[in-house]
Amino acid sequence: MSINFDNAIWLAGMVTQLLVIGLLTYRRVWRTLPVFCSYLIWDISSNLALYGIARYHPAKYFQVYFADTAIDAAFVFCVLVELAWSVLRPMRASLSRGALVIVGILILVAGVAVWPFTALPGLVHATSHQGQLLTQLMQTVAILRILFFLLLAGGSQLLSISWRDRELQVATGFGIYAFVSLTAAVLDLHQTTAIPLQHIAQFVAASYDCCLIYWVVSFAQQEAARREFTPQMQSFLLAVAGAARTTRIGLEETHGSKSRKPDGR
């Protein structure tokens, strides 16, 4: 009975994800969020591949799953950068070309800062070295998703976005699923709960299905017209971008002066 229930959750997720992709295509969201659309296509393809490997080549499953998780993490990083850049859409014309790189660096720095805290107590003794890296990578990505969602939701007024904007809708789905998966990982690690581990895994899978259903409901509706940033927010973002540009130019000039020969040639 449990196997059938697991398959039902998996099949429902696949069907719902196809529906999400269809809505993204119909609403032409791929024009503004192409990386996110590509991520969903990658995710459904990798799930099918992992299902086939688990069934026909179970001995190779962990190695393939490890590589799949690494690619998934890189994809999520790119999606977060894309969402942040899309939020800045009202004033991107005023930003320099290097602003996108700065956004990526900030998210990468956040991931590096989070990484040490994902070494949960007992993890070292619970798994192999490769298993430790896999777990830390998954939890780091989950925390980044949660932080990004909290940042957008908490700063929605300053950023002039609402729950009808695609960026916040995507971040909400990511954040809710990441919170559930992170909580399940802690319960799985410590095993201090009477809930069977299989039921925890089923709950996590069902939460992703709920995330997909939320996206279906959200993307089925017309997106709200994007509002302009407040003058105060525009001044703040331009000041930050200007300071970053000045710092970058200063570093380039310093590096250039050090690389010159004493005779100036």
C-alpha atoms as a PDB file:
ATOM      1  CA  MET A   1       0.000   0.000   0.000  1.00  0.00           C
ATOM      2  CA  SER A   2       2.829   2.390   0.841  1.00  0.00           C
ATOM      3  CA  ILE A   3       4.553   1.696  -2.491  1.00  0.00           C
ATOM      4  CA  ASN A   4       1.381   2.534  -4.373  1.00  0.00           C
ATOM      5  CA  PHE A   5       0.994   5.704  -2.330  1.00  0.00           C
ATOM      6  CA  ASP A   6       4.593   6.704  -3.095  1.00  0.00           C
ATOM      7  CA  ASN A   7       3.991   6.143  -6.798  1.00  0.00           C
ATOM      8  CA  ALA A   8       0.760   8.135  -6.623  1.00  0.00           C
ATOM      9  CA  ILE A   9       2.570  11.113  -5.093  1.00  0.00           C
ATOM     10  CA  TRP A  10       5.342  10.866  -7.690  1.00  0.00           C
ATOM     11  CA  LEU A  11       2.905  10.557 -10.607  1.00  0.00           C
ATOM     12  CA  ALA A  12       0.769  13.449  -9.338  1.00  0.00           C
ATOM     13  CA  GLY A  13       3.887  15.597  -9.114  1.00  0.00           C
ATOM     14  CA  MET A  14       4.944  14.758 -12.659  1.00  0.00           C
ATOM     15  CA  VAL A  15       1.508  15.546 -14.081  1.00  0.00           C
ATOM     16  CA  THR A  16       1.222  18.781 -12.110  1.00  0.00           C
ATOM     17  CA  GLN A  17       4.703  19.844 -13.153  1.00  0.00           C
ATOM     18  CA  LEU A  18       3.805  19.312 -16.799  1.00  0.00           C
ATOM     19  CA  LEU A  19       0.753  21.501 -16.206  1.00  0.00           C
ATOM     20  CA  VAL A  20       2.962  24.213 -14.678  1.00  0.00           C
ATOM     21  CA  ILE A  21       5.277  24.099 -17.691  1.00  0.00           C
ATOM     22  CA  GLY A  22       2.259  24.354 -19.980  1.00  0.00           C
ATOM     23  CA  LEU A  23       0.975  27.409 -18.122  1.00  0.00           C
ATOM     24  CA  LEU A  24       4.408  29.036 -18.201  1.00  0.00           C
ATOM     25  CA  THR A  25       4.442  28.558 -21.951  1.00  0.00           C
ATOM     26  CA  TYR A  26       0.877  29.815 -22.368  1.00  0.00           C
ATOM     27  CA  ARG A  27       1.510  32.889 -20.223  1.00  0.00           C
ATOM     28  CA  ARG A  28       4.869  33.419 -21.963  1.00  0.00           C
ATOM     29  CA  VAL A  29       6.653  33.536 -18.638  1.00  0.00           C
ATOM     30  CA  TRP A  30       9.645  31.981 -20.401  1.00  0.00           C
ATOM     31  CA  ARG A  31      10.333  35.434 -21.858  1.00  0.00           C
ATOM     32  CA  THR A  32      11.008  36.988 -18.456  1.00  0.00           C
ATOM     33  CA  LEU A  33      12.071  33.884 -16.496  1.00  0.00           C
ATOM     34  CA  PRO A  34      13.767  31.561 -19.010  1.00  0.00           C
ATOM     35  CA  VAL A  35      16.092  29.974 -16.437  1.00  0.00           C
ATOM     36  CA  PHE A  36      13.190  29.049 -14.156  1.00  0.00           C
ATOM     37  CA  CYS A  37      11.313  27.491 -17.061  1.00  0.00           C
ATOM     38  CA  SER A  38      14.436  25.564 -18.068  1.00  0.00           C
ATOM     39  CA  TYR A  39      14.851  24.426 -14.471  1.00  0.00           C
ATOM     40  CA  LEU A  40      11.372  22.890 -14.390  1.00  0.00           C
ATOM     41  CA  ILE A  41      12.052  21.039 -17.638  1.00  0.00           C
ATOM     42  CA  TRP A  42      15.392  19.826 -16.248  1.00  0.00           C
ATOM     43  CA  ASP A  43      13.737  18.777 -12.978  1.00  0.00           C
ATOM     44  CA  ILE A  44      11.079  16.650 -14.619  1.00  0.00           C
ATOM     45  CA  SER A  45      13.655  15.078 -16.945  1.00  0.00           C
ATOM     46  CA  SER A  46      16.046  14.270 -14.104  1.00  0.00           C
ATOM     47  CA  ASN A  47      13.228  12.769 -12.031  1.00  0.00           C
ATOM     48  CA  LEU A  48      12.355  10.436 -14.888  1.00  0.00           C
ATOM     49  CA  ALA A  49      16.020   9.500 -15.314  1.00  0.00           C
ATOM     50  CA  LEU A  50      16.473   8.828 -11.585  1.00  0.00           C
ATOM     51  CA  TYR A  51      13.334   6.705 -11.543  1.00  0.00           C
ATOM     52  CA  GLY A  52      14.684   4.581 -14.375  1.00  0.00           C
ATOM     53  CA  ILE A  53      18.118   4.234 -12.763  1.00  0.00           C
ATOM     54  CA  ALA A  54      16.613   3.285  -9.394  1.00  0.00           C
ATOM     55  CA  ARG A  55      14.603   0.569 -11.095  1.00  0.00           C
ATOM     56  CA  TYR A  56      17.108  -0.859 -13.571  1.00  0.00           C
ATOM     57  CA  HIS A  57      20.545   0.185 -12.227  1.00  0.00           C
ATOM     58  CA  PRO A  58      20.153   0.595  -8.442  1.00  0.00           C
ATOM     59  CA  ALA A  59      23.905   0.149  -7.820  1.00  0.00           C
ATOM     60  CA  LYS A  60      24.610   3.406  -9.695  1.00  0.00           C
ATOM     61  CA  TYR A  61      21.787   5.371  -8.121  1.00  0.00           C
ATOM     62  CA  PHE A  62      23.767   7.226  -5.447  1.00  0.00           C
ATOM     63  CA  GLN A  63      26.483   8.428  -7.842  1.00  0.00           C
ATOM     64  CA  VAL A  64      23.904   9.663 -10.338  1.00  0.00           C
ATOM     65  CA  TYR A  65      21.827  11.227  -7.566  1.00  0.00           C
ATOM     66  CA  PHE A  66      24.906  13.042  -6.251  1.00  0.00           C
ATOM     67  CA  ALA A  67      25.653  14.515  -9.691  1.00  0.00           C
ATOM     68  CA  ASP A  68      21.982  15.362 -10.177  1.00  0.00           C
ATOM     69  CA  THR A  69      21.894  17.220  -6.855  1.00  0.00           C
ATOM     70  CA  ALA A  70      24.989  19.241  -7.768  1.00  0.00           C
ATOM     71  CA  ILE A  71      23.463  20.261 -11.112  1.00  0.00           C
ATOM     72  CA  ASP A  72      20.172  21.038  -9.389  1.00  0.00           C
ATOM     73  CA  ALA A  73      21.976  23.305  -6.890  1.00  0.00           C
ATOM     74  CA  ALA A  74      23.695  25.182  -9.716  1.00  0.00           C
ATOM     75  CA  PHE A  75      20.337  25.557 -11.467  1.00  0.00           C
ATOM     76  CA  VAL A  76      18.679  26.902  -8.307  1.00  0.00           C
ATOM     77  CA  PHE A  77      21.496  29.418  -7.887  1.00  0.00           C
ATOM     78  CA  CYS A  78      20.896  30.666 -11.437  1.00  0.00           C
ATOM     79  CA  VAL A  79      17.138  30.835 -10.802  1.00  0.00           C
ATOM     80  CA  LEU A  80      17.657  32.961  -7.676  1.00  0.00           C
ATOM     81  CA  VAL A  81      19.942  35.309  -9.613  1.00  0.00           C
ATOM     82  CA  GLU A  82      17.338  35.533 -12.367  1.00  0.00           C
ATOM     83  CA  LEU A  83      14.547  36.278  -9.871  1.00  0.00           C
ATOM     84  CA  ALA A  84      16.595  38.996  -8.180  1.00  0.00           C
ATOM     85  CA  TRP A  85      17.446  40.536 -11.546  1.00  0.00           C
ATOM     86  CA  SER A  86      13.812  40.370 -12.612  1.00  0.00           C
ATOM     87  CA  VAL A  87      12.753  42.172  -9.418  1.00  0.00           C
ATOM     88  CA  LEU A  88      15.053  45.017 -10.459  1.00  0.00           C
ATOM     89  CA  ARG A  89      13.329  45.232 -13.846  1.00  0.00           C
ATOM     90  CA  PRO A  90      11.809  48.729 -13.320  1.00  0.00           C
ATOM     91  CA  MET A  91      15.249  50.326 -13.094  1.00  0.00           C
ATOM     92  CA  ARG A  92      17.573  47.948 -14.924  1.00  0.00           C
ATOM     93  CA  ALA A  93      18.138  50.582 -17.605  1.00  0.00           C
ATOM     94  CA  SER A  94      19.776  52.763 -14.952  1.00  0.00           C
ATOM     95  CA  LEU A  95      22.078  49.994 -13.724  1.00  0.00           C
ATOM     96  CA  SER A  96      25.443  49.082 -15.179  1.00  0.00           C
ATOM     97  CA  ARG A  97      26.082  45.808 -16.977  1.00  0.00           C
ATOM     98  CA  GLY A  98      28.044  44.574 -14.002  1.00  0.00           C
ATOM     99  CA  ALA A  99      25.001  44.802 -11.714  1.00  0.00           C
ATOM    100  CA  LEU A 100      23.905  41.287 -12.677  1.00  0.00           C
ATOM    101  CA  VAL A 101      27.339  39.975 -11.714  1.00  0.00           C
ATOM    102  CA  ILE A 102      27.104  41.795  -8.387  1.00  0.00           C
ATOM    103  CA  VAL A 103      23.720  40.160  -7.716  1.00  0.00           C
ATOM    104  CA  GLY A 104      25.215  36.746  -8.444  1.00  0.00           C
ATOM    105  CA  ILE A 105      28.199  37.412  -6.177  1.00  0.00           C
ATOM    106  CA  LEU A 106      25.934  38.488  -3.306  1.00  0.00           C
ATOM    107  CA  ILE A 107      23.885  35.292  -3.543  1.00  0.00           C
ATOM    108  CA  LEU A 108      27.059  33.211  -3.820  1.00  0.00           C
ATOM    109  CA  VAL A 109      28.521  34.919  -0.735  1.00  0.00           C
ATOM    110  CA  ALA A 110      25.295  34.153   1.137  1.00  0.00           C
ATOM    111  CA  GLY A 111      25.628  30.496   0.167  1.00  0.00           C
ATOM    112  CA  VAL A 112      29.251  30.384   1.334  1.00  0.00           C
ATOM    113  CA  ALA A 113      28.224  31.978   4.644  1.00  0.00           C
ATOM    114  CA  VAL A 114      25.428  29.443   5.143  1.00  0.00           C
ATOM    115  CA  TRP A 115      27.536  26.373   4.254  1.00  0.00           C
ATOM    116  CA  PRO A 116      29.318  25.909   7.630  1.00  0.00           C
ATOM    117  CA  PHE A 117      26.002  26.002   9.515  1.00  0.00           C
ATOM    118  CA  THR A 118      24.596  23.082   7.502  1.00  0.00           C
ATOM    119  CA  ALA A 119      27.049  20.662   9.159  1.00  0.00           C
ATOM    120  CA  LEU A 120      24.358  19.530  11.582  1.00  0.00           C
ATOM    121  CA  PRO A 121      25.341  17.747  14.815  1.00  0.00           C
ATOM    122  CA  GLY A 122      25.727  14.035  14.262  1.00  0.00           C
ATOM    123  CA  LEU A 123      26.140  14.403  10.506  1.00  0.00           C
ATOM    124  CA  VAL A 124      29.818  13.454  10.548  1.00  0.00           C
ATOM    125  CA  HIS A 125      29.102  10.131  12.202  1.00  0.00           C
ATOM    126  CA  ALA A 126      25.900   9.447  10.327  1.00  0.00           C
ATOM    127  CA  THR A 127      27.118   9.307   6.735  1.00  0.00           C
ATOM    128  CA  SER A 128      30.164   8.936   4.506  1.00  0.00           C
ATOM    129  CA  HIS A 129      32.194  11.944   3.355  1.00  0.00           C
ATOM    130  CA  GLN A 130      30.322  12.018   0.048  1.00  0.00           C
ATOM    131  CA  GLY A 131      27.051  11.744   1.930  1.00  0.00           C
ATOM    132  CA  GLN A 132      28.062  14.667   4.141  1.00  0.00           C
ATOM    133  CA  LEU A 133      28.764  16.841   1.100  1.00  0.00           C
ATOM    134  CA  LEU A 134      25.455  15.838  -0.451  1.00  0.00           C
ATOM    135  CA  THR A 135      23.512  16.665   2.712  1.00  0.00           C
ATOM    136  CA  GLN A 136      25.276  19.996   3.238  1.00  0.00           C
ATOM    137  CA  LEU A 137      24.698  20.986  -0.378  1.00  0.00           C
ATOM    138  CA  MET A 138      20.992  20.175  -0.165  1.00  0.00           C
ATOM    139  CA  GLN A 139      20.540  22.054   3.110  1.00  0.00           C
ATOM    140  CA  THR A 140      22.541  25.064   1.901  1.00  0.00           C
ATOM    141  CA  VAL A 141      20.314  25.364  -1.165  1.00  0.00           C
ATOM    142  CA  ALA A 142      17.208  24.959   1.002  1.00  0.00           C
ATOM    143  CA  ILE A 143      18.313  27.735   3.368  1.00  0.00           C
ATOM    144  CA  LEU A 144      19.128  30.028   0.425  1.00  0.00           C
ATOM    145  CA  ARG A 145      15.617  29.463  -0.933  1.00  0.00           C
ATOM    146  CA  ILE A 146      14.087  30.299   2.443  1.00  0.00           C
ATOM    147  CA  LEU A 147      16.218  33.423   2.920  1.00  0.00           C
ATOM    148  CA  PHE A 148      15.429  34.623  -0.594  1.00  0.00           C
ATOM    149  CA  PHE A 149      11.693  34.138  -0.024  1.00  0.00           C
ATOM    150  CA  LEU A 150      11.827  35.962   3.314  1.00  0.00           C
ATOM    151  CA  LEU A 151      13.784  38.811   1.729  1.00  0.00           C
ATOM    152  CA  LEU A 152      11.289  39.274  -1.102  1.00  0.00           C
ATOM    153  CA  ALA A 153       8.230  38.850   1.127  1.00  0.00           C
ATOM    154  CA  GLY A 154       9.576  41.121   3.848  1.00  0.00           C
ATOM    155  CA  GLY A 155      10.699  43.792   1.382  1.00  0.00           C
ATOM    156  CA  SER A 156       7.726  43.526  -0.949  1.00  0.00           C
ATOM    157  CA  GLN A 157       6.551  47.054  -0.172  1.00  0.00           C
ATOM    158  CA  LEU A 158       9.982  48.573  -0.760  1.00  0.00           C
ATOM    159  CA  LEU A 159      10.481  46.499  -3.899  1.00  0.00           C
ATOM    160  CA  SER A 160       6.967  47.362  -5.167  1.00  0.00           C
ATOM    161  CA  ILE A 161       5.987  43.727  -5.690  1.00  0.00           C
ATOM    162  CA  SER A 162       2.917  41.806  -4.573  1.00  0.00           C
ATOM    163  CA  TRP A 163       1.739  38.209  -4.402  1.00  0.00           C
ATOM    164  CA  ARG A 164       0.526  38.560  -8.001  1.00  0.00           C
ATOM    165  CA  ASP A 165       4.043  39.178  -9.290  1.00  0.00           C
ATOM    166  CA  ARG A 166       5.746  36.119 -10.791  1.00  0.00           C
ATOM    167  CA  GLU A 167       8.966  36.656  -8.875  1.00  0.00           C
ATOM    168  CA  LEU A 168       7.283  36.452  -5.476  1.00  0.00           C
ATOM    169  CA  GLN A 169       5.101  33.552  -6.605  1.00  0.00           C
ATOM    170  CA  VAL A 170       8.134  31.517  -7.631  1.00  0.00           C
ATOM    171  CA  ALA A 171      10.020  32.444  -4.461  1.00  0.00           C
ATOM    172  CA  THR A 172       7.013  31.493  -2.305  1.00  0.00           C
ATOM    173  CA  GLY A 173       6.815  28.016  -3.794  1.00  0.00           C
ATOM    174  CA  PHE A 174      10.553  27.541  -3.391  1.00  0.00           C
ATOM    175  CA  GLY A 175      10.529  28.850   0.178  1.00  0.00           C
ATOM    176  CA  ILE A 176       7.654  26.723   1.460  1.00  0.00           C
ATOM    177  CA  TYR A 177       9.043  23.513  -0.025  1.00  0.00           C
ATOM    178  CA  ALA A 178      12.545  24.323   1.244  1.00  0.00           C
ATOM    179  CA  PHE A 179      11.218  24.884   4.771  1.00  0.00           C
ATOM    180  CA  VAL A 180       9.442  21.516   4.764  1.00  0.00           C
ATOM    181  CA  SER A 181      12.446  19.657   3.349  1.00  0.00           C
ATOM    182  CA  LEU A 182      14.825  21.319   5.828  1.00  0.00           C
ATOM    183  CA  THR A 183      12.588  20.402   8.756  1.00  0.00           C
ATOM    184  CA  ALA A 184      12.340  16.835   7.496  1.00  0.00           C
ATOM    185  CA  ALA A 185      16.135  16.624   7.182  1.00  0.00           C
ATOM    186  CA  VAL A 186      16.571  17.620  10.825  1.00  0.00           C
ATOM    187  CA  LEU A 187      13.988  15.054  11.941  1.00  0.00           C
ATOM    188  CA  ASP A 188      15.598  12.402   9.763  1.00  0.00           C
ATOM    189  CA  LEU A 189      19.050  13.116  11.155  1.00  0.00           C
ATOM    190  CA  HIS A 190      18.213  13.121  14.840  1.00  0.00           C
ATOM    191  CA  GLN A 191      15.460  10.501  14.612  1.00  0.00           C
ATOM    192  CA  THR A 192      13.919  11.786  17.832  1.00  0.00           C
ATOM    193  CA  THR A 193      10.388  11.555  16.533  1.00  0.00           C
ATOM    194  CA  ALA A 194       8.001   8.629  16.552  1.00  0.00           C
ATOM    195  CA  ILE A 195       7.003   9.392  12.950  1.00  0.00           C
ATOM    196  CA  PRO A 196       8.391   6.736  10.570  1.00  0.00           C
ATOM    197  CA  LEU A 197      11.035   8.031   8.175  1.00  0.00           C
ATOM    198  CA  GLN A 198       9.032   6.793   5.214  1.00  0.00           C
ATOM    199  CA  HIS A 199       6.108   8.988   6.238  1.00  0.00           C
ATOM    200  CA  ILE A 200       8.429  11.984   6.548  1.00  0.00           C
ATOM    201  CA  ALA A 201       9.712  11.369   3.011  1.00  0.00           C
ATOM    202  CA  GLN A 202       6.143  11.089   1.757  1.00  0.00           C
ATOM    203  CA  PHE A 203       5.226  14.359   3.446  1.00  0.00           C
ATOM    204  CA  VAL A 204       8.170  16.129   1.781  1.00  0.00           C
ATOM    205  CA  ALA A 205       7.183  14.749  -1.630  1.00  0.00           C
ATOM    206  CA  ALA A 206       3.574  15.773  -1.053  1.00  0.00           C
ATOM    207  CA  SER A 207       4.709  19.280  -0.050  1.00  0.00           C
ATOM    208  CA  TYR A 208       6.425  19.656  -3.420  1.00  0.00           C
ATOM    209  CA  ASP A 209       3.178  18.612  -5.104  1.00  0.00           C
ATOM    210  CA  CYS A 210       1.441  21.340  -3.092  1.00  0.00           C
ATOM    211  CA  CYS A 211       4.092  23.806  -4.263  1.00  0.00           C
ATOM    212  CA  LEU A 212       3.355  22.838  -7.862  1.00  0.00           C
ATOM    213  CA  ILE A 213      -0.383  23.201  -7.290  1.00  0.00           C
ATOM    214  CA  TYR A 214       0.239  26.681  -5.877  1.00  0.00           C
ATOM    215  CA  TRP A 215       2.164  27.553  -9.031  1.00  0.00           C
ATOM    216  CA  VAL A 216      -0.661  26.199 -11.187  1.00  0.00           C
ATOM    217  CA  VAL A 217      -3.179  28.446  -9.408  1.00  0.00           C
ATOM    218  CA  SER A 218      -0.798  31.420  -9.542  1.00  0.00           C
ATOM    219  CA  PHE A 219       0.260  31.098 -13.186  1.00  0.00           C
ATOM    220  CA  ALA A 220      -3.315  30.482 -14.291  1.00  0.00           C
ATOM    221  CA  GLN A 221      -4.036  34.092 -13.327  1.00  0.00           C
ATOM    222  CA  GLN A 222      -2.938  37.139 -15.241  1.00  0.00           C
ATOM    223  CA  GLU A 223       0.173  38.776 -13.835  1.00  0.00           C
ATOM    224  CA  ALA A 224      -0.284  42.188 -12.239  1.00  0.00           C
ATOM    225  CA  ALA A 225       1.243  45.194 -13.972  1.00  0.00           C
ATOM    226  CA  ARG A 226       4.642  45.852 -12.486  1.00  0.00           C
ATOM    227  CA  ARG A 227       4.841  48.989 -10.359  1.00  0.00           C
ATOM    228  CA  GLU A 228       7.765  51.378 -10.333  1.00  0.00           C
ATOM    229  CA  PHE A 229      10.061  51.585  -7.334  1.00  0.00           C
ATOM    230  CA  THR A 230       9.571  54.437  -4.908  1.00  0.00           C
ATOM    231  CA  PRO A 231      12.012  57.346  -5.398  1.00  0.00           C
ATOM    232  CA  GLN A 232      13.683  56.449  -2.092  1.00  0.00           C
ATOM    233  CA  MET A 233      14.244  52.845  -3.208  1.00  0.00           C
ATOM    234  CA  GLN A 234      15.553  53.951  -6.592  1.00  0.00           C
ATOM    235  CA  SER A 235      18.049  56.292  -4.935  1.00  0.00           C
ATOM    236  CA  PHE A 236      19.176  53.551  -2.566  1.00  0.00           C
ATOM    237  CA  LEU A 237      19.694  50.951  -5.310  1.00  0.00           C
ATOM    238  CA  LEU A 238      21.501  53.425  -7.544  1.00  0.00           C
ATOM    239  CA  ALA A 239      23.765  54.389  -4.649  1.00  0.00           C
ATOM    240  CA  VAL A 240      24.579  50.741  -3.970  1.00  0.00           C
ATOM    241  CA  ALA A 241      25.233  50.076  -7.659  1.00  0.00           C
ATOM    242  CA  GLY A 242      27.393  53.190  -7.905  1.00  0.00           C
ATOM    243  CA  ALA A 243      29.433  52.227  -4.856  1.00  0.00           C
ATOM    244  CA  ALA A 244      29.957  48.720  -6.228  1.00  0.00           C
ATOM    245  CA  ARG A 245      31.005  50.114  -9.603  1.00  0.00           C
ATOM    246  CA  THR A 246      33.465  52.535  -7.960  1.00  0.00           C
ATOM    247  CA  THR A 247      34.951  49.698  -5.917  1.00  0.00           C
ATOM    248  CA  ARG A 248      35.306  47.511  -8.993  1.00  0.00           C
ATOM    249  CA  ILE A 249      37.032  50.274 -10.981  1.00  0.00           C
ATOM    250  CA  GLY A 250      39.357  50.960  -8.060  1.00  0.00           C
ATOM    251  CA  LEU A 251      40.323  47.307  -7.830  1.00  0.00           C
ATOM    252  CA  GLU A 252      40.934  47.137 -11.575  1.00  0.00           C
ATOM    253  CA  GLU A 253      43.141  50.260 -11.473  1.00  0.00           C
ATOM    254  CA  THR A 254      45.084  48.899  -8.497  1.00  0.00           C
ATOM    255  CA  HIS A 255      45.603  45.583 -10.223  1.00  0.00           C
ATOM    256  CA  GLY A 256      46.647  47.349 -13.414  1.00  0.00           C
ATOM    257  CA  SER A 257      49.206  49.541 -11.629  1.00  0.00           C
ATOM    258  CA  LYS A 258      50.739  46.528  -9.887  1.00  0.00           C
ATOM    259  CA  SER A 259      51.043  44.602 -13.122  1.00  0.00           C
ATOM    260  CA  ARG A 260      53.035  47.375 -14.846  1.00  0.00           C
ATOM    261  CA  LYS A 261      56.802  47.158 -15.038  1.00  0.00           C
ATOM    262  CA  PRO A 262      58.957  49.698 -13.127  1.00  0.00           C
ATOM    263  CA  ASP A 263      59.976  51.444 -16.368  1.00  0.00           C
ATOM    264  CA  GLY A 264      56.297  51.951 -17.234  1.00  0.00           C
ATOM    265  CA  ARG A 265      56.283  49.581 -20.175  1.00  0.00           C
END
